[in-house]
């Protein structure tokens, strides 16, 4: 979603690739249950409390920045979501996955248990609302699921299947389980497949993306 013109309130809302995939199924799996706001376009360093024209102009440069038109690549838009944190928060929450990258052999499995640092006054904490995890190319995995969150939305995402095309898949859980593909078709003449995994704290808004590599063994 994006504002086409920041002089008037005109909103352009489009579906992401994942949304289009769910809508195309025609089985009722496409349901909008939540929304998020982001400020990807804003450069807050342009806020100028020393503006010679006074306080009414401190944010003039920020307010006049061009805004992005909505586009369907969820890996490039809404990367900086707005969140509500307790008053007096001095450090922004950050995610820790325990690893900076994941490399798996064909058919191998791996479990990820995210932690959120600097959240709600704790050094590290598991968010009770869980985490969303998005693999950018689900074809590289035999299975991809979240565990620990039992809601209708989480169950729908965790049980969903893809249509075998190059699309992302999102799951919800306090832990994320992945199993690398065991088939050779995608590799072609290559010895490895590369994709990315993005994890976002559902309460904190903290976000982390790491590379995932699948190596051919068969």
N, C-alpha and C. Protein backbone atom coordinates (compact mmCIF):
# COMPACT_ATOMS: atom_id res chain seq x y z
N UNK A 1 0.85 -1.19 0.00
CA UNK A 1 0.00 0.00 0.00
C UNK A 1 0.89 1.24 0.00
N UNK A 2 0.51 2.26 -0.71
CA UNK A 2 1.30 3.48 -0.72
C UNK A 2 0.46 4.68 -1.09
N UNK A 3 0.91 5.86 -0.67
CA UNK A 3 0.27 7.10 -1.06
C UNK A 3 0.80 7.53 -2.43
N UNK A 4 -0.10 7.72 -3.38
CA UNK A 4 0.32 8.14 -4.72
C UNK A 4 0.68 9.62 -4.74
N UNK A 5 0.07 10.41 -3.89
CA UNK A 5 0.27 11.85 -3.91
C UNK A 5 0.19 12.34 -2.47
N UNK A 6 1.29 12.89 -1.94
CA UNK A 6 1.28 13.27 -0.53
C UNK A 6 0.60 14.61 -0.28
N UNK A 7 0.01 15.21 -1.31
CA UNK A 7 -0.73 16.45 -1.10
C UNK A 7 -2.20 16.18 -0.79
N UNK A 8 -2.68 14.99 -1.15
CA UNK A 8 -4.03 14.57 -0.82
C UNK A 8 -3.98 13.13 -0.35
N UNK A 9 -5.02 12.69 0.35
CA UNK A 9 -5.04 11.33 0.89
C UNK A 9 -5.57 10.40 -0.19
N UNK A 10 -4.67 9.91 -1.03
CA UNK A 10 -5.01 8.95 -2.08
C UNK A 10 -4.24 7.68 -1.80
N UNK A 11 -4.94 6.57 -1.60
CA UNK A 11 -4.29 5.32 -1.22
C UNK A 11 -4.38 4.31 -2.35
N UNK A 12 -3.24 3.69 -2.64
CA UNK A 12 -3.16 2.65 -3.66
C UNK A 12 -2.84 1.33 -2.96
N UNK A 13 -3.76 0.39 -2.97
CA UNK A 13 -3.56 -0.89 -2.30
C UNK A 13 -3.50 -2.00 -3.33
N UNK A 14 -2.45 -2.82 -3.28
CA UNK A 14 -2.30 -3.95 -4.20
C UNK A 14 -1.94 -5.20 -3.41
N UNK A 15 -2.07 -6.35 -4.04
CA UNK A 15 -1.71 -7.61 -3.40
C UNK A 15 -0.25 -7.94 -3.67
N UNK A 16 0.40 -8.54 -2.68
CA UNK A 16 1.75 -9.06 -2.89
C UNK A 16 1.66 -10.34 -3.72
N UNK A 17 2.81 -10.87 -4.09
CA UNK A 17 2.83 -12.13 -4.84
C UNK A 17 2.16 -13.25 -4.03
N UNK A 18 2.40 -13.25 -2.73
CA UNK A 18 1.78 -14.26 -1.87
C UNK A 18 0.27 -14.06 -1.83
N UNK A 19 -0.18 -12.82 -1.73
CA UNK A 19 -1.61 -12.55 -1.72
C UNK A 19 -2.27 -12.98 -3.02
N UNK A 20 -1.61 -12.74 -4.14
CA UNK A 20 -2.16 -13.15 -5.43
C UNK A 20 -2.25 -14.67 -5.53
N UNK A 21 -1.24 -15.34 -4.97
CA UNK A 21 -1.25 -16.80 -4.99
C UNK A 21 -2.44 -17.34 -4.19
N UNK A 22 -2.67 -16.79 -3.00
CA UNK A 22 -3.78 -17.26 -2.17
C UNK A 22 -5.12 -16.94 -2.81
N UNK A 23 -5.24 -15.75 -3.42
CA UNK A 23 -6.49 -15.38 -4.08
C UNK A 23 -6.78 -16.30 -5.26
N UNK A 24 -5.72 -16.69 -5.99
CA UNK A 24 -5.89 -17.53 -7.18
C UNK A 24 -6.39 -18.93 -6.82
N UNK A 25 -6.16 -19.36 -5.59
CA UNK A 25 -6.62 -20.69 -5.20
C UNK A 25 -8.15 -20.79 -5.21
N UNK A 26 -8.82 -19.72 -4.86
CA UNK A 26 -10.27 -19.71 -4.85
C UNK A 26 -10.89 -20.61 -3.80
N UNK A 27 -10.12 -20.93 -2.76
CA UNK A 27 -10.64 -21.84 -1.73
C UNK A 27 -10.91 -21.14 -0.40
N UNK A 28 -10.91 -19.83 -0.43
CA UNK A 28 -11.18 -19.08 0.80
C UNK A 28 -9.95 -18.85 1.66
N UNK A 29 -8.77 -19.29 1.21
CA UNK A 29 -7.56 -19.13 2.01
C UNK A 29 -7.06 -17.69 2.03
N UNK A 30 -7.55 -16.86 1.09
CA UNK A 30 -7.18 -15.45 1.08
C UNK A 30 -8.07 -14.69 2.05
N UNK A 31 -7.49 -14.28 3.18
CA UNK A 31 -8.23 -13.53 4.19
C UNK A 31 -7.32 -12.45 4.75
N UNK A 32 -7.79 -11.22 4.76
CA UNK A 32 -7.02 -10.12 5.36
C UNK A 32 -7.43 -10.02 6.82
N UNK A 33 -6.53 -10.36 7.72
CA UNK A 33 -6.84 -10.36 9.15
C UNK A 33 -6.06 -9.30 9.92
N UNK A 34 -4.96 -8.78 9.33
CA UNK A 34 -4.15 -7.77 10.00
C UNK A 34 -3.60 -6.81 8.96
N UNK A 35 -3.10 -5.68 9.44
CA UNK A 35 -2.42 -4.76 8.55
C UNK A 35 -1.24 -4.15 9.29
N UNK A 36 -0.31 -3.57 8.55
CA UNK A 36 0.86 -2.95 9.16
C UNK A 36 1.14 -1.64 8.45
N UNK A 37 1.82 -0.74 9.15
CA UNK A 37 2.25 0.54 8.60
C UNK A 37 3.76 0.59 8.60
N UNK A 38 4.34 1.31 7.65
CA UNK A 38 5.79 1.39 7.56
C UNK A 38 6.21 2.78 7.12
N UNK A 39 7.48 3.09 7.32
CA UNK A 39 8.00 4.40 6.92
C UNK A 39 9.31 4.23 6.14
N UNK A 40 9.30 3.31 5.18
CA UNK A 40 10.50 3.01 4.40
C UNK A 40 11.08 4.25 3.71
N UNK A 41 10.21 5.16 3.25
CA UNK A 41 10.68 6.28 2.45
C UNK A 41 11.29 7.42 3.27
N UNK A 42 11.11 7.40 4.57
CA UNK A 42 11.43 8.57 5.39
C UNK A 42 12.88 8.56 5.86
N UNK A 43 13.57 9.69 5.64
CA UNK A 43 14.93 9.89 6.16
C UNK A 43 14.84 10.89 7.30
N UNK A 44 14.87 10.38 8.53
CA UNK A 44 14.65 11.25 9.69
C UNK A 44 15.84 12.16 9.97
N UNK A 45 16.97 11.92 9.32
CA UNK A 45 18.12 12.82 9.50
C UNK A 45 17.84 14.19 8.88
N UNK A 46 16.81 14.27 8.04
CA UNK A 46 16.46 15.55 7.42
C UNK A 46 15.67 16.46 8.35
N UNK A 47 15.23 15.94 9.50
CA UNK A 47 14.52 16.77 10.48
C UNK A 47 15.51 17.80 11.02
N UNK A 48 15.17 19.06 10.91
CA UNK A 48 16.13 20.13 11.19
C UNK A 48 15.63 21.07 12.28
N UNK A 49 16.00 20.82 13.54
CA UNK A 49 15.56 21.72 14.63
C UNK A 49 16.28 23.07 14.62
N UNK A 50 17.18 23.26 13.65
CA UNK A 50 17.89 24.56 13.54
C UNK A 50 17.40 25.36 12.34
N UNK A 51 16.24 24.99 11.81
CA UNK A 51 15.71 25.68 10.63
C UNK A 51 15.51 27.16 10.94
N UNK A 52 16.03 28.05 10.09
CA UNK A 52 15.95 29.49 10.39
C UNK A 52 14.53 30.05 10.42
N UNK A 53 13.56 29.32 9.84
CA UNK A 53 12.19 29.83 9.80
C UNK A 53 11.37 29.42 11.02
N UNK A 54 11.97 28.67 11.95
CA UNK A 54 11.27 28.32 13.17
C UNK A 54 10.75 26.89 13.22
N UNK A 55 10.10 26.53 14.33
CA UNK A 55 9.70 25.16 14.61
C UNK A 55 8.69 24.61 13.60
N UNK A 56 7.88 25.45 12.99
CA UNK A 56 6.89 24.98 12.04
C UNK A 56 7.55 24.37 10.80
N UNK A 57 8.85 24.62 10.62
CA UNK A 57 9.56 24.16 9.42
C UNK A 57 10.60 23.08 9.74
N UNK A 58 10.67 22.64 11.01
CA UNK A 58 11.66 21.63 11.37
C UNK A 58 11.54 20.38 10.49
N UNK A 59 10.29 19.95 10.23
CA UNK A 59 10.07 18.72 9.49
C UNK A 59 9.71 18.95 8.03
N UNK A 60 9.93 20.15 7.51
CA UNK A 60 9.53 20.48 6.14
C UNK A 60 10.15 19.53 5.12
N UNK A 61 11.44 19.26 5.23
CA UNK A 61 12.12 18.38 4.27
C UNK A 61 11.57 16.96 4.33
N UNK A 62 11.25 16.49 5.54
CA UNK A 62 10.69 15.14 5.70
C UNK A 62 9.31 15.06 5.07
N UNK A 63 8.49 16.08 5.32
CA UNK A 63 7.11 16.08 4.81
C UNK A 63 7.06 16.18 3.29
N UNK A 64 8.09 16.72 2.67
CA UNK A 64 8.10 16.90 1.22
C UNK A 64 8.83 15.79 0.48
N UNK A 65 9.22 14.74 1.18
CA UNK A 65 9.91 13.64 0.52
C UNK A 65 8.94 12.89 -0.40
N UNK A 66 9.43 12.40 -1.55
CA UNK A 66 8.55 11.61 -2.43
C UNK A 66 8.22 10.27 -1.77
N UNK A 67 7.02 9.78 -1.99
CA UNK A 67 6.58 8.52 -1.40
C UNK A 67 6.47 7.45 -2.47
N UNK A 68 6.76 6.22 -2.09
CA UNK A 68 6.76 5.12 -3.04
C UNK A 68 5.35 4.71 -3.45
N UNK A 69 5.20 4.39 -4.72
CA UNK A 69 3.97 3.76 -5.17
C UNK A 69 4.03 2.29 -4.75
N UNK A 70 2.91 1.72 -4.43
CA UNK A 70 2.88 0.33 -3.97
C UNK A 70 3.38 -0.60 -5.07
N UNK A 71 4.21 -1.58 -4.69
CA UNK A 71 4.64 -2.62 -5.62
C UNK A 71 4.67 -3.95 -4.89
N UNK A 72 4.57 -5.09 -5.61
CA UNK A 72 4.26 -6.38 -4.97
C UNK A 72 5.43 -7.17 -4.42
N UNK A 73 6.64 -6.62 -4.40
CA UNK A 73 7.78 -7.39 -3.90
C UNK A 73 7.92 -7.17 -2.39
N UNK A 74 7.44 -8.13 -1.60
CA UNK A 74 7.42 -7.97 -0.15
C UNK A 74 8.81 -7.99 0.48
N UNK A 75 9.84 -8.36 -0.32
CA UNK A 75 11.21 -8.34 0.21
C UNK A 75 11.82 -6.94 0.11
N UNK A 76 11.16 -6.04 -0.63
CA UNK A 76 11.73 -4.72 -0.84
C UNK A 76 10.86 -3.58 -0.33
N UNK A 77 9.63 -3.86 0.06
CA UNK A 77 8.74 -2.82 0.55
C UNK A 77 8.29 -3.16 1.97
N UNK A 78 8.00 -2.14 2.73
CA UNK A 78 7.58 -2.28 4.13
C UNK A 78 8.60 -3.08 4.94
N UNK A 79 9.88 -2.71 4.76
CA UNK A 79 10.95 -3.36 5.52
C UNK A 79 11.08 -2.74 6.91
N UNK A 80 10.55 -1.53 7.10
CA UNK A 80 10.69 -0.84 8.38
C UNK A 80 9.30 -0.50 8.90
N UNK A 81 8.69 -1.48 9.55
CA UNK A 81 7.31 -1.33 10.03
C UNK A 81 7.27 -0.50 11.30
N UNK A 82 6.20 0.25 11.45
CA UNK A 82 6.00 1.06 12.65
C UNK A 82 5.48 0.18 13.78
N UNK A 83 6.02 0.37 14.96
CA UNK A 83 5.63 -0.42 16.12
C UNK A 83 5.39 0.48 17.32
N UNK A 84 4.66 -0.04 18.30
CA UNK A 84 4.43 0.68 19.55
C UNK A 84 5.25 0.02 20.64
N UNK A 85 6.16 0.79 21.25
CA UNK A 85 7.02 0.29 22.31
C UNK A 85 6.75 1.07 23.59
N UNK A 86 7.07 0.48 24.75
CA UNK A 86 6.81 1.16 26.03
C UNK A 86 7.50 2.51 26.11
N UNK A 87 6.86 3.48 26.75
CA UNK A 87 7.45 4.80 26.94
C UNK A 87 8.77 4.66 27.70
N UNK A 88 9.77 5.38 27.28
CA UNK A 88 11.08 5.32 27.92
C UNK A 88 12.02 4.32 27.29
N UNK A 89 11.58 3.61 26.24
CA UNK A 89 12.45 2.65 25.57
C UNK A 89 13.66 3.38 24.99
N UNK A 90 14.86 2.92 25.34
CA UNK A 90 16.09 3.58 24.88
C UNK A 90 16.82 2.78 23.82
N UNK A 91 16.46 1.49 23.65
CA UNK A 91 17.11 0.66 22.65
C UNK A 91 16.04 -0.04 21.82
N UNK A 92 16.24 -0.08 20.50
CA UNK A 92 15.29 -0.76 19.64
C UNK A 92 15.48 -2.27 19.73
N UNK A 93 14.41 -3.04 19.71
CA UNK A 93 14.53 -4.50 19.73
C UNK A 93 15.25 -5.00 18.47
N UNK A 94 16.08 -6.01 18.64
CA UNK A 94 16.76 -6.65 17.52
C UNK A 94 16.60 -8.16 17.65
N UNK A 95 16.60 -8.85 16.51
CA UNK A 95 16.43 -10.30 16.51
C UNK A 95 17.77 -11.01 16.52
N UNK A 96 17.79 -12.16 17.16
CA UNK A 96 18.93 -13.06 17.11
C UNK A 96 18.42 -14.45 16.77
N UNK A 97 19.01 -15.04 15.71
CA UNK A 97 18.64 -16.39 15.31
C UNK A 97 19.69 -17.40 15.72
N UNK A 98 20.77 -16.92 16.31
CA UNK A 98 21.86 -17.82 16.72
C UNK A 98 22.84 -18.12 15.61
N UNK A 99 22.47 -17.79 14.36
CA UNK A 99 23.34 -18.01 13.21
C UNK A 99 23.19 -16.83 12.25
N UNK A 100 24.21 -16.58 11.45
CA UNK A 100 24.16 -15.50 10.47
C UNK A 100 23.81 -16.02 9.08
N UNK A 101 23.82 -17.34 8.90
CA UNK A 101 23.44 -17.97 7.64
C UNK A 101 23.13 -19.43 7.91
N UNK A 102 22.43 -20.06 6.97
CA UNK A 102 22.07 -21.48 7.10
C UNK A 102 22.51 -22.20 5.83
N UNK A 103 23.26 -23.29 6.01
CA UNK A 103 23.66 -24.14 4.89
C UNK A 103 23.21 -25.57 5.20
N UNK A 104 22.41 -26.14 4.30
CA UNK A 104 21.87 -27.48 4.50
C UNK A 104 22.17 -28.37 3.30
N UNK A 105 22.43 -29.63 3.57
CA UNK A 105 22.51 -30.61 2.51
C UNK A 105 21.10 -31.03 2.12
N UNK A 106 20.94 -31.59 0.94
CA UNK A 106 19.63 -32.05 0.48
C UNK A 106 18.98 -32.96 1.52
N UNK A 107 17.71 -32.67 1.85
CA UNK A 107 16.96 -33.49 2.78
C UNK A 107 17.24 -33.23 4.24
N UNK A 108 18.22 -32.39 4.55
CA UNK A 108 18.57 -32.11 5.95
C UNK A 108 17.57 -31.13 6.56
N UNK A 109 17.40 -31.23 7.88
CA UNK A 109 16.45 -30.37 8.59
C UNK A 109 17.17 -29.45 9.57
N UNK A 110 16.50 -28.35 9.91
CA UNK A 110 17.08 -27.39 10.83
C UNK A 110 15.95 -26.67 11.56
N UNK A 111 16.13 -26.44 12.85
CA UNK A 111 15.14 -25.74 13.67
C UNK A 111 15.70 -24.39 14.11
N UNK A 112 14.90 -23.36 13.94
CA UNK A 112 15.30 -22.01 14.31
C UNK A 112 14.43 -21.53 15.46
N UNK A 113 15.06 -21.06 16.52
CA UNK A 113 14.33 -20.51 17.67
C UNK A 113 14.77 -19.06 17.87
N UNK A 114 14.03 -18.11 17.31
CA UNK A 114 14.43 -16.70 17.40
C UNK A 114 14.35 -16.17 18.83
N UNK A 115 15.18 -15.19 19.13
CA UNK A 115 15.12 -14.43 20.37
C UNK A 115 15.08 -12.96 20.02
N UNK A 116 14.40 -12.17 20.83
CA UNK A 116 14.34 -10.73 20.62
C UNK A 116 15.11 -10.03 21.74
N UNK A 117 16.16 -9.34 21.39
CA UNK A 117 16.98 -8.62 22.36
C UNK A 117 16.44 -7.21 22.56
N UNK A 118 16.63 -6.67 23.74
CA UNK A 118 16.20 -5.31 24.09
C UNK A 118 14.69 -5.13 24.01
N UNK A 119 13.94 -6.19 24.31
CA UNK A 119 12.49 -6.11 24.17
C UNK A 119 11.83 -6.20 25.53
N UNK A 120 10.97 -5.23 25.83
CA UNK A 120 10.21 -5.19 27.09
C UNK A 120 11.12 -5.25 28.31
N UNK A 121 12.28 -4.63 28.20
CA UNK A 121 13.19 -4.53 29.33
C UNK A 121 14.01 -5.77 29.60
N UNK A 122 13.91 -6.77 28.76
CA UNK A 122 14.66 -8.01 28.98
C UNK A 122 15.87 -8.07 28.06
N UNK A 123 16.92 -8.77 28.53
CA UNK A 123 18.12 -8.95 27.71
C UNK A 123 17.79 -9.80 26.49
N UNK A 124 17.03 -10.86 26.68
CA UNK A 124 16.53 -11.67 25.56
C UNK A 124 15.19 -12.26 25.97
N UNK A 125 14.31 -12.43 24.99
CA UNK A 125 12.97 -12.90 25.31
C UNK A 125 12.36 -13.55 24.08
N UNK A 126 11.52 -14.54 24.31
CA UNK A 126 10.72 -15.11 23.24
C UNK A 126 9.40 -14.34 23.21
N UNK A 127 9.06 -13.80 22.08
CA UNK A 127 7.84 -13.01 21.98
C UNK A 127 6.62 -13.94 22.04
N UNK A 128 5.69 -13.61 22.91
CA UNK A 128 4.52 -14.47 23.10
C UNK A 128 3.65 -14.51 21.84
N UNK A 129 3.69 -13.45 21.03
CA UNK A 129 2.92 -13.44 19.79
C UNK A 129 3.62 -14.24 18.69
N UNK A 130 4.86 -14.62 18.93
CA UNK A 130 5.60 -15.41 17.97
C UNK A 130 6.27 -14.58 16.89
N UNK A 131 6.68 -15.26 15.84
CA UNK A 131 7.42 -14.64 14.76
C UNK A 131 6.84 -15.08 13.42
N UNK A 132 6.92 -14.21 12.43
CA UNK A 132 6.62 -14.63 11.07
C UNK A 132 7.95 -14.89 10.38
N UNK A 133 8.00 -15.97 9.63
CA UNK A 133 9.21 -16.33 8.88
C UNK A 133 8.83 -16.51 7.42
N UNK A 134 9.56 -15.89 6.53
CA UNK A 134 9.28 -15.96 5.10
C UNK A 134 10.49 -16.48 4.35
N UNK A 135 10.31 -17.59 3.64
CA UNK A 135 11.36 -18.11 2.76
C UNK A 135 11.06 -17.55 1.37
N UNK A 136 12.05 -16.96 0.72
CA UNK A 136 11.78 -16.25 -0.53
C UNK A 136 11.49 -17.18 -1.71
N UNK A 137 12.01 -18.41 -1.68
CA UNK A 137 11.71 -19.39 -2.73
C UNK A 137 11.40 -20.72 -2.07
N UNK A 138 10.12 -21.02 -1.92
CA UNK A 138 9.71 -22.21 -1.17
C UNK A 138 10.07 -23.50 -1.89
N UNK A 139 10.37 -23.43 -3.19
CA UNK A 139 10.74 -24.64 -3.93
C UNK A 139 12.02 -25.28 -3.38
N UNK A 140 12.84 -24.50 -2.70
CA UNK A 140 14.11 -25.02 -2.19
C UNK A 140 13.93 -25.90 -0.95
N UNK A 141 12.71 -25.97 -0.42
CA UNK A 141 12.47 -26.72 0.80
C UNK A 141 11.44 -27.83 0.58
N UNK A 142 11.66 -28.95 1.26
CA UNK A 142 10.65 -30.01 1.29
C UNK A 142 9.53 -29.63 2.24
N UNK A 143 9.89 -29.01 3.36
CA UNK A 143 8.88 -28.59 4.33
C UNK A 143 9.35 -27.32 5.02
N UNK A 144 8.36 -26.51 5.43
CA UNK A 144 8.63 -25.22 6.07
C UNK A 144 7.44 -24.94 6.97
N UNK A 145 7.66 -24.94 8.28
CA UNK A 145 6.52 -24.80 9.19
C UNK A 145 6.94 -24.08 10.47
N UNK A 146 5.94 -23.49 11.11
CA UNK A 146 6.14 -22.85 12.39
C UNK A 146 5.40 -23.62 13.47
N UNK A 147 5.92 -23.64 14.68
CA UNK A 147 5.28 -24.31 15.80
C UNK A 147 5.24 -23.37 17.00
N UNK A 148 4.28 -23.59 17.88
CA UNK A 148 4.21 -22.84 19.12
C UNK A 148 3.13 -21.78 19.18
N UNK A 149 2.51 -21.44 18.04
CA UNK A 149 1.43 -20.47 18.00
C UNK A 149 0.20 -21.17 17.43
N UNK A 150 -0.86 -21.23 18.21
CA UNK A 150 -2.06 -21.95 17.80
C UNK A 150 -3.22 -20.98 17.60
N UNK A 151 -3.20 -20.31 16.48
CA UNK A 151 -4.29 -19.42 16.10
C UNK A 151 -4.76 -19.83 14.70
N UNK A 152 -5.94 -19.35 14.32
CA UNK A 152 -6.48 -19.68 13.00
C UNK A 152 -5.54 -19.22 11.90
N UNK A 153 -4.99 -18.00 12.06
CA UNK A 153 -4.08 -17.48 11.03
C UNK A 153 -2.82 -18.31 10.93
N UNK A 154 -2.23 -18.66 12.10
CA UNK A 154 -1.01 -19.46 12.10
C UNK A 154 -1.25 -20.83 11.49
N UNK A 155 -2.37 -21.46 11.86
CA UNK A 155 -2.68 -22.78 11.31
C UNK A 155 -2.86 -22.72 9.80
N UNK A 156 -3.52 -21.68 9.31
CA UNK A 156 -3.75 -21.56 7.87
C UNK A 156 -2.43 -21.41 7.12
N UNK A 157 -1.54 -20.58 7.63
CA UNK A 157 -0.25 -20.39 6.96
C UNK A 157 0.63 -21.62 7.06
N UNK A 158 0.66 -22.24 8.24
CA UNK A 158 1.55 -23.37 8.45
C UNK A 158 1.12 -24.61 7.68
N UNK A 159 -0.18 -24.73 7.41
CA UNK A 159 -0.67 -25.90 6.69
C UNK A 159 -0.79 -25.66 5.18
N UNK A 160 -0.61 -24.42 4.74
CA UNK A 160 -0.78 -24.09 3.33
C UNK A 160 0.27 -24.74 2.45
N UNK A 161 -0.10 -24.99 1.23
CA UNK A 161 0.83 -25.53 0.25
C UNK A 161 0.98 -24.53 -0.89
N UNK A 162 2.05 -24.67 -1.67
CA UNK A 162 2.26 -23.77 -2.79
C UNK A 162 1.90 -24.48 -4.08
N UNK A 163 1.93 -23.74 -5.17
CA UNK A 163 1.55 -24.30 -6.46
C UNK A 163 2.77 -24.69 -7.28
N UNK A 164 3.93 -24.81 -6.64
CA UNK A 164 5.13 -25.29 -7.31
C UNK A 164 5.87 -24.25 -8.12
N UNK A 165 5.52 -22.98 -7.97
CA UNK A 165 6.21 -21.92 -8.69
C UNK A 165 7.14 -21.18 -7.75
N UNK A 166 7.95 -20.29 -8.34
CA UNK A 166 8.93 -19.55 -7.57
C UNK A 166 8.24 -18.45 -6.78
N UNK A 167 7.70 -18.80 -5.62
CA UNK A 167 7.02 -17.84 -4.75
C UNK A 167 7.53 -18.00 -3.33
N UNK A 168 7.26 -16.99 -2.53
CA UNK A 168 7.64 -17.07 -1.13
C UNK A 168 6.56 -17.81 -0.34
N UNK A 169 6.93 -18.19 0.88
CA UNK A 169 5.96 -18.80 1.79
C UNK A 169 6.23 -18.24 3.18
N UNK A 170 5.17 -17.92 3.89
CA UNK A 170 5.28 -17.36 5.23
C UNK A 170 4.61 -18.27 6.24
N UNK A 171 5.27 -18.48 7.38
CA UNK A 171 4.70 -19.27 8.48
C UNK A 171 4.83 -18.47 9.76
N UNK A 172 4.11 -18.92 10.78
CA UNK A 172 4.11 -18.24 12.08
C UNK A 172 4.42 -19.25 13.18
N UNK A 173 5.25 -18.87 14.14
CA UNK A 173 5.54 -19.75 15.27
C UNK A 173 6.56 -19.13 16.20
N UNK A 174 6.79 -19.78 17.33
CA UNK A 174 7.88 -19.37 18.21
C UNK A 174 9.16 -20.09 17.80
N UNK A 175 9.02 -21.18 17.05
CA UNK A 175 10.14 -21.89 16.44
C UNK A 175 9.77 -22.18 14.98
N UNK A 176 10.78 -22.21 14.14
CA UNK A 176 10.58 -22.44 12.71
C UNK A 176 11.38 -23.66 12.29
N UNK A 177 10.71 -24.61 11.63
CA UNK A 177 11.38 -25.83 11.17
C UNK A 177 11.48 -25.83 9.65
N UNK A 178 12.67 -26.11 9.14
CA UNK A 178 12.86 -26.18 7.70
C UNK A 178 13.56 -27.48 7.33
N UNK A 179 13.19 -28.02 6.17
CA UNK A 179 13.83 -29.21 5.62
C UNK A 179 14.16 -28.94 4.16
N UNK A 180 15.41 -29.11 3.80
CA UNK A 180 15.87 -28.81 2.44
C UNK A 180 15.26 -29.78 1.44
N UNK A 181 15.10 -29.33 0.20
CA UNK A 181 14.56 -30.17 -0.85
C UNK A 181 15.45 -31.39 -1.08
N UNK A 182 14.83 -32.49 -1.43
CA UNK A 182 15.58 -33.72 -1.69
C UNK A 182 15.60 -34.07 -3.18
N UNK A 183 14.97 -33.22 -4.00
CA UNK A 183 14.92 -33.48 -5.45
C UNK A 183 16.02 -32.70 -6.15
N UNK A 184 16.38 -33.18 -7.34
CA UNK A 184 17.50 -32.59 -8.07
C UNK A 184 17.08 -31.61 -9.16
N UNK A 185 15.79 -31.55 -9.48
CA UNK A 185 15.32 -30.81 -10.64
C UNK A 185 15.77 -29.35 -10.63
N UNK A 186 15.64 -28.68 -9.50
CA UNK A 186 15.95 -27.25 -9.43
C UNK A 186 17.43 -26.95 -9.63
N UNK A 187 18.29 -27.90 -9.30
CA UNK A 187 19.72 -27.64 -9.34
C UNK A 187 20.24 -27.48 -10.77
N UNK A 188 19.71 -28.29 -11.70
CA UNK A 188 20.24 -28.25 -13.05
C UNK A 188 21.71 -28.62 -13.03
N UNK A 189 22.56 -27.76 -13.55
CA UNK A 189 24.00 -28.00 -13.54
C UNK A 189 24.68 -27.40 -12.32
N UNK A 190 23.89 -26.76 -11.45
CA UNK A 190 24.46 -26.13 -10.26
C UNK A 190 24.65 -27.13 -9.13
N UNK A 191 25.50 -26.78 -8.19
CA UNK A 191 25.73 -27.64 -7.03
C UNK A 191 25.04 -27.10 -5.78
N UNK A 192 24.45 -25.90 -5.87
CA UNK A 192 23.76 -25.35 -4.72
C UNK A 192 22.65 -24.40 -5.14
N UNK A 193 21.68 -24.25 -4.24
CA UNK A 193 20.57 -23.32 -4.42
C UNK A 193 20.67 -22.24 -3.34
N UNK A 194 20.33 -21.02 -3.70
CA UNK A 194 20.42 -19.91 -2.75
C UNK A 194 19.08 -19.21 -2.61
N UNK A 195 18.70 -18.93 -1.39
CA UNK A 195 17.48 -18.18 -1.12
C UNK A 195 17.71 -17.38 0.15
N UNK A 196 16.67 -16.74 0.66
CA UNK A 196 16.80 -15.97 1.89
C UNK A 196 15.65 -16.29 2.84
N UNK A 197 15.91 -16.13 4.12
CA UNK A 197 14.90 -16.32 5.15
C UNK A 197 14.78 -15.02 5.93
N UNK A 198 13.56 -14.48 6.00
CA UNK A 198 13.31 -13.24 6.73
C UNK A 198 12.42 -13.54 7.93
N UNK A 199 12.86 -13.16 9.11
CA UNK A 199 12.11 -13.38 10.35
C UNK A 199 11.76 -12.03 10.96
N UNK A 200 10.50 -11.89 11.38
CA UNK A 200 10.02 -10.63 11.95
C UNK A 200 9.30 -10.93 13.26
N UNK A 201 9.64 -10.21 14.31
CA UNK A 201 8.95 -10.33 15.59
C UNK A 201 7.56 -9.72 15.48
N UNK A 202 6.51 -10.46 15.80
CA UNK A 202 5.14 -9.98 15.61
C UNK A 202 4.76 -8.91 16.63
N UNK A 203 5.44 -8.88 17.76
CA UNK A 203 5.16 -7.85 18.76
C UNK A 203 6.12 -6.68 18.67
N UNK A 204 7.40 -6.97 18.44
CA UNK A 204 8.43 -5.94 18.46
C UNK A 204 8.62 -5.27 17.11
N UNK A 205 8.33 -5.99 16.02
CA UNK A 205 8.60 -5.46 14.69
C UNK A 205 10.04 -5.62 14.27
N UNK A 206 10.89 -6.19 15.13
CA UNK A 206 12.29 -6.41 14.78
C UNK A 206 12.38 -7.37 13.61
N UNK A 207 13.34 -7.15 12.72
CA UNK A 207 13.42 -7.89 11.47
C UNK A 207 14.86 -8.31 11.19
N UNK A 208 15.02 -9.52 10.65
CA UNK A 208 16.35 -10.01 10.29
C UNK A 208 16.23 -10.92 9.07
N UNK A 209 17.12 -10.73 8.10
CA UNK A 209 17.17 -11.57 6.91
C UNK A 209 18.53 -12.24 6.82
N UNK A 210 18.54 -13.56 6.61
CA UNK A 210 19.79 -14.29 6.49
C UNK A 210 19.75 -15.14 5.22
N UNK A 211 20.92 -15.44 4.63
CA UNK A 211 20.95 -16.29 3.45
C UNK A 211 20.78 -17.77 3.81
N UNK A 212 20.15 -18.53 2.91
CA UNK A 212 19.98 -19.96 3.08
C UNK A 212 20.55 -20.65 1.83
N UNK A 213 21.44 -21.63 2.04
CA UNK A 213 22.07 -22.34 0.93
C UNK A 213 21.77 -23.83 1.04
N UNK A 214 21.30 -24.41 -0.05
CA UNK A 214 21.04 -25.84 -0.11
C UNK A 214 22.09 -26.46 -1.05
N UNK A 215 22.86 -27.43 -0.54
CA UNK A 215 23.91 -28.04 -1.35
C UNK A 215 23.45 -29.39 -1.88
N UNK A 216 23.82 -29.65 -3.13
CA UNK A 216 23.40 -30.88 -3.81
C UNK A 216 24.29 -32.04 -3.37
N UNK A 217 23.63 -33.14 -2.97
CA UNK A 217 24.38 -34.32 -2.54
C UNK A 217 23.97 -35.57 -3.32
N UNK A 218 22.78 -35.56 -3.93
CA UNK A 218 22.31 -36.74 -4.65
C UNK A 218 22.90 -36.80 -6.07
